[in-house]
Amino acid sequence: MIKILAACGAGVNSSHQIKDALETEMGNRGYEVTADAVMVKDITEEMMAHYDIFTPIAATDLGFDPKIPVIDAGPILYRMPAMAEPVYDQVEEAIKAMK
């Protein structure tokens, strides 16, 4: 099971859309993933240690360097396949690199 951490400013709307989109698309591609949606301000190194991939809505200064792949998932929110597909491909590549 691949664990993804999705984050946005409020942890309410955008991060949940990213979470749902990634779980659906990666499932369609044959991967078993689960994602959690949180507020960026709540992320700590300890929290991030429990995840395999970090997908923020935009580049974010967390105050530490993540030790997991960081993939900007903001383009998913445009709901345009041409923009979302590269994000899904990056997530898939990160998953493949873990195996």
N, C-alpha and C. Protein backbone atom coordinates (compact mmCIF):
# COMPACT_ATOMS: atom_id res chain seq x y z
N MET A 1 0.85 -1.18 0.00
CA MET A 1 0.00 0.00 0.00
C MET A 1 0.89 1.24 0.00
N ILE A 2 0.68 2.11 -0.97
CA ILE A 2 1.41 3.37 -1.07
C ILE A 2 0.60 4.44 -0.34
N LYS A 3 1.27 5.19 0.53
CA LYS A 3 0.60 6.23 1.29
C LYS A 3 1.01 7.60 0.76
N ILE A 4 0.01 8.41 0.40
CA ILE A 4 0.23 9.73 -0.16
C ILE A 4 -0.31 10.79 0.80
N LEU A 5 0.45 11.86 0.98
CA LEU A 5 0.02 12.98 1.80
C LEU A 5 -0.30 14.14 0.88
N ALA A 6 -1.56 14.54 0.83
CA ALA A 6 -2.01 15.68 0.02
C ALA A 6 -2.21 16.87 0.95
N ALA A 7 -1.78 18.05 0.52
CA ALA A 7 -1.88 19.20 1.40
C ALA A 7 -2.26 20.47 0.65
N CYS A 8 -3.05 21.30 1.34
CA CYS A 8 -3.40 22.62 0.83
C CYS A 8 -3.46 23.57 2.02
N GLY A 9 -3.80 24.81 1.78
CA GLY A 9 -3.80 25.81 2.84
C GLY A 9 -4.75 25.51 3.98
N ALA A 10 -5.97 25.10 3.66
CA ALA A 10 -6.97 24.85 4.70
C ALA A 10 -7.17 23.37 5.00
N GLY A 11 -6.70 22.49 4.14
CA GLY A 11 -6.87 21.05 4.35
C GLY A 11 -8.31 20.59 4.20
N VAL A 12 -9.11 21.40 3.53
CA VAL A 12 -10.54 21.10 3.44
C VAL A 12 -10.99 20.77 2.02
N ASN A 13 -10.66 21.61 1.07
CA ASN A 13 -11.22 21.44 -0.26
C ASN A 13 -10.20 20.90 -1.26
N SER A 14 -9.21 21.69 -1.60
CA SER A 14 -8.27 21.30 -2.65
C SER A 14 -7.53 20.01 -2.33
N SER A 15 -7.07 19.86 -1.11
CA SER A 15 -6.34 18.65 -0.75
C SER A 15 -7.24 17.42 -0.85
N HIS A 16 -8.51 17.56 -0.55
CA HIS A 16 -9.43 16.43 -0.67
C HIS A 16 -9.70 16.10 -2.14
N GLN A 17 -9.74 17.12 -3.00
CA GLN A 17 -9.90 16.86 -4.43
C GLN A 17 -8.67 16.13 -4.97
N ILE A 18 -7.49 16.55 -4.53
CA ILE A 18 -6.26 15.87 -4.94
C ILE A 18 -6.24 14.44 -4.42
N LYS A 19 -6.60 14.25 -3.18
CA LYS A 19 -6.68 12.92 -2.57
C LYS A 19 -7.57 12.00 -3.38
N ASP A 20 -8.80 12.45 -3.65
CA ASP A 20 -9.76 11.62 -4.38
C ASP A 20 -9.27 11.32 -5.80
N ALA A 21 -8.72 12.33 -6.46
CA ALA A 21 -8.24 12.14 -7.83
C ALA A 21 -7.08 11.15 -7.88
N LEU A 22 -6.15 11.27 -6.95
CA LEU A 22 -5.00 10.36 -6.94
C LEU A 22 -5.41 8.93 -6.60
N GLU A 23 -6.29 8.77 -5.62
CA GLU A 23 -6.74 7.42 -5.28
C GLU A 23 -7.45 6.77 -6.46
N THR A 24 -8.28 7.54 -7.15
CA THR A 24 -9.01 7.01 -8.29
C THR A 24 -8.08 6.68 -9.44
N GLU A 25 -7.26 7.64 -9.84
CA GLU A 25 -6.38 7.43 -11.01
C GLU A 25 -5.34 6.36 -10.77
N MET A 26 -4.71 6.37 -9.62
CA MET A 26 -3.70 5.34 -9.35
C MET A 26 -4.36 3.96 -9.23
N GLY A 27 -5.57 3.91 -8.70
CA GLY A 27 -6.32 2.65 -8.67
C GLY A 27 -6.61 2.16 -10.08
N ASN A 28 -6.99 3.09 -10.96
CA ASN A 28 -7.25 2.73 -12.36
C ASN A 28 -5.99 2.22 -13.05
N ARG A 29 -4.84 2.67 -12.57
CA ARG A 29 -3.57 2.23 -13.15
C ARG A 29 -3.04 0.97 -12.48
N GLY A 30 -3.80 0.45 -11.53
CA GLY A 30 -3.43 -0.82 -10.91
C GLY A 30 -2.62 -0.73 -9.64
N TYR A 31 -2.57 0.44 -9.03
CA TYR A 31 -1.80 0.61 -7.80
C TYR A 31 -2.73 0.72 -6.61
N GLU A 32 -2.29 0.16 -5.50
CA GLU A 32 -3.06 0.25 -4.26
C GLU A 32 -2.50 1.44 -3.47
N VAL A 33 -3.28 2.53 -3.45
CA VAL A 33 -2.85 3.73 -2.75
C VAL A 33 -3.94 4.22 -1.81
N THR A 34 -3.49 4.92 -0.81
CA THR A 34 -4.40 5.64 0.08
C THR A 34 -3.79 7.02 0.29
N ALA A 35 -4.64 8.01 0.41
CA ALA A 35 -4.15 9.38 0.58
C ALA A 35 -4.86 10.04 1.76
N ASP A 36 -4.14 10.91 2.42
CA ASP A 36 -4.70 11.71 3.49
C ASP A 36 -4.58 13.18 3.10
N ALA A 37 -5.56 13.97 3.46
CA ALA A 37 -5.59 15.40 3.15
C ALA A 37 -5.39 16.19 4.45
N VAL A 38 -4.45 17.12 4.42
CA VAL A 38 -4.13 17.91 5.61
C VAL A 38 -3.84 19.36 5.25
N MET A 39 -3.78 20.19 6.30
CA MET A 39 -3.36 21.59 6.14
C MET A 39 -1.84 21.63 6.12
N VAL A 40 -1.28 22.42 5.23
CA VAL A 40 0.17 22.53 5.12
C VAL A 40 0.80 22.89 6.46
N LYS A 41 0.19 23.80 7.19
CA LYS A 41 0.79 24.26 8.45
C LYS A 41 0.89 23.16 9.51
N ASP A 42 0.15 22.08 9.34
CA ASP A 42 0.17 21.00 10.32
C ASP A 42 1.22 19.92 10.03
N ILE A 43 1.90 20.03 8.90
CA ILE A 43 2.86 18.99 8.50
C ILE A 43 4.16 19.13 9.29
N THR A 44 4.59 17.99 9.83
CA THR A 44 5.86 17.92 10.55
C THR A 44 6.71 16.81 9.90
N GLU A 45 8.00 16.83 10.23
CA GLU A 45 8.86 15.75 9.74
C GLU A 45 8.36 14.39 10.23
N GLU A 46 7.94 14.36 11.48
CA GLU A 46 7.45 13.10 12.06
C GLU A 46 6.22 12.60 11.29
N MET A 47 5.30 13.50 10.98
CA MET A 47 4.11 13.11 10.22
C MET A 47 4.51 12.58 8.85
N MET A 48 5.37 13.31 8.17
CA MET A 48 5.75 12.95 6.81
C MET A 48 6.48 11.60 6.75
N ALA A 49 7.11 11.21 7.84
CA ALA A 49 7.82 9.93 7.88
C ALA A 49 6.89 8.74 7.67
N HIS A 50 5.59 8.95 7.78
CA HIS A 50 4.62 7.87 7.63
C HIS A 50 4.07 7.77 6.21
N TYR A 51 4.60 8.57 5.28
CA TYR A 51 4.09 8.62 3.91
C TYR A 51 5.18 8.31 2.90
N ASP A 52 4.75 7.92 1.70
CA ASP A 52 5.67 7.58 0.63
C ASP A 52 5.83 8.71 -0.39
N ILE A 53 4.79 9.53 -0.56
CA ILE A 53 4.78 10.61 -1.55
C ILE A 53 4.05 11.80 -0.94
N PHE A 54 4.56 13.00 -1.21
CA PHE A 54 3.93 14.23 -0.75
C PHE A 54 3.44 15.01 -1.96
N THR A 55 2.14 15.35 -1.97
CA THR A 55 1.54 16.05 -3.11
C THR A 55 0.86 17.33 -2.64
N PRO A 56 1.64 18.40 -2.49
CA PRO A 56 1.04 19.68 -2.10
C PRO A 56 0.37 20.35 -3.29
N ILE A 57 -0.49 21.30 -3.00
CA ILE A 57 -1.16 22.06 -4.05
C ILE A 57 -0.18 22.98 -4.76
N ALA A 58 0.89 23.38 -4.10
CA ALA A 58 1.90 24.26 -4.68
C ALA A 58 3.21 24.09 -3.90
N ALA A 59 4.28 24.61 -4.46
CA ALA A 59 5.57 24.56 -3.77
C ALA A 59 5.44 25.23 -2.41
N THR A 60 5.92 24.54 -1.40
CA THR A 60 5.71 25.00 -0.03
C THR A 60 7.01 24.88 0.78
N ASP A 61 7.32 25.89 1.57
CA ASP A 61 8.46 25.83 2.48
C ASP A 61 7.95 25.26 3.80
N LEU A 62 8.34 24.03 4.07
CA LEU A 62 7.89 23.36 5.28
C LEU A 62 8.81 23.62 6.47
N GLY A 63 9.97 24.21 6.20
CA GLY A 63 10.94 24.42 7.26
C GLY A 63 11.88 23.24 7.42
N PHE A 64 11.71 22.22 6.58
CA PHE A 64 12.60 21.05 6.56
C PHE A 64 12.54 20.47 5.15
N ASP A 65 13.52 19.66 4.83
CA ASP A 65 13.56 19.03 3.51
C ASP A 65 12.89 17.66 3.59
N PRO A 66 11.80 17.47 2.83
CA PRO A 66 11.13 16.16 2.82
C PRO A 66 12.08 15.07 2.31
N LYS A 67 11.97 13.90 2.91
CA LYS A 67 12.80 12.77 2.51
C LYS A 67 12.05 11.84 1.57
N ILE A 68 10.90 12.28 1.10
CA ILE A 68 10.08 11.50 0.17
C ILE A 68 9.86 12.33 -1.09
N PRO A 69 9.46 11.70 -2.20
CA PRO A 69 9.20 12.48 -3.42
C PRO A 69 8.11 13.53 -3.19
N VAL A 70 8.35 14.73 -3.71
CA VAL A 70 7.40 15.84 -3.62
C VAL A 70 6.93 16.14 -5.04
N ILE A 71 5.62 16.04 -5.27
CA ILE A 71 5.05 16.26 -6.59
C ILE A 71 3.96 17.31 -6.49
N ASP A 72 4.14 18.43 -7.18
CA ASP A 72 3.16 19.52 -7.19
C ASP A 72 1.89 19.00 -7.85
N ALA A 73 0.82 18.89 -7.07
CA ALA A 73 -0.44 18.34 -7.56
C ALA A 73 -1.47 19.40 -7.94
N GLY A 74 -1.09 20.66 -7.85
CA GLY A 74 -2.01 21.74 -8.18
C GLY A 74 -2.71 21.59 -9.53
N PRO A 75 -2.01 21.18 -10.60
CA PRO A 75 -2.67 21.06 -11.91
C PRO A 75 -3.85 20.10 -11.94
N ILE A 76 -3.93 19.17 -11.01
CA ILE A 76 -5.08 18.26 -10.95
C ILE A 76 -6.37 19.05 -10.79
N LEU A 77 -6.29 20.17 -10.06
CA LEU A 77 -7.48 20.94 -9.74
C LEU A 77 -8.09 21.65 -10.94
N TYR A 78 -7.33 21.79 -12.02
CA TYR A 78 -7.87 22.43 -13.22
C TYR A 78 -8.84 21.52 -13.96
N ARG A 79 -8.82 20.23 -13.60
CA ARG A 79 -9.70 19.21 -14.20
C ARG A 79 -9.56 19.15 -15.72
N MET A 80 -8.37 19.43 -16.17
CA MET A 80 -8.08 19.32 -17.59
C MET A 80 -7.11 18.15 -17.75
N PRO A 81 -7.50 17.10 -18.45
CA PRO A 81 -6.62 15.93 -18.58
C PRO A 81 -5.20 16.28 -19.03
N ALA A 82 -5.06 17.23 -19.92
CA ALA A 82 -3.73 17.59 -20.41
C ALA A 82 -2.84 18.14 -19.30
N MET A 83 -3.45 18.73 -18.29
CA MET A 83 -2.67 19.28 -17.18
C MET A 83 -2.50 18.26 -16.05
N ALA A 84 -3.51 17.44 -15.81
CA ALA A 84 -3.47 16.47 -14.72
C ALA A 84 -2.63 15.25 -15.07
N GLU A 85 -2.64 14.84 -16.31
CA GLU A 85 -1.94 13.61 -16.72
C GLU A 85 -0.45 13.61 -16.34
N PRO A 86 0.27 14.72 -16.55
CA PRO A 86 1.67 14.71 -16.14
C PRO A 86 1.87 14.52 -14.63
N VAL A 87 0.95 15.02 -13.84
CA VAL A 87 1.03 14.82 -12.38
C VAL A 87 0.83 13.34 -12.06
N TYR A 88 -0.19 12.74 -12.65
CA TYR A 88 -0.42 11.30 -12.44
C TYR A 88 0.79 10.48 -12.87
N ASP A 89 1.39 10.87 -14.00
CA ASP A 89 2.57 10.15 -14.49
C ASP A 89 3.73 10.27 -13.51
N GLN A 90 3.92 11.45 -12.92
CA GLN A 90 4.99 11.64 -11.93
C GLN A 90 4.74 10.80 -10.70
N VAL A 91 3.50 10.73 -10.26
CA VAL A 91 3.18 9.90 -9.10
C VAL A 91 3.44 8.43 -9.44
N GLU A 92 3.05 8.01 -10.62
CA GLU A 92 3.29 6.62 -11.02
C GLU A 92 4.78 6.33 -11.08
N GLU A 93 5.56 7.25 -11.60
CA GLU A 93 7.02 7.04 -11.66
C GLU A 93 7.61 6.94 -10.25
N ALA A 94 7.11 7.75 -9.33
CA ALA A 94 7.59 7.67 -7.94
C ALA A 94 7.25 6.32 -7.32
N ILE A 95 6.06 5.83 -7.63
CA ILE A 95 5.64 4.51 -7.12
C ILE A 95 6.55 3.42 -7.69
N LYS A 96 6.79 3.48 -8.99
CA LYS A 96 7.65 2.47 -9.64
C LYS A 96 9.04 2.50 -9.06
N ALA A 97 9.54 3.68 -8.73
CA ALA A 97 10.89 3.80 -8.19
C ALA A 97 11.02 3.17 -6.79
N MET A 98 9.89 3.01 -6.11
CA MET A 98 9.90 2.42 -4.76
C MET A 98 10.00 0.90 -4.81
N LYS A 99 9.67 0.33 -5.94
CA LYS A 99 9.63 -1.14 -6.03
C LYS A 99 10.95 -1.73 -6.37
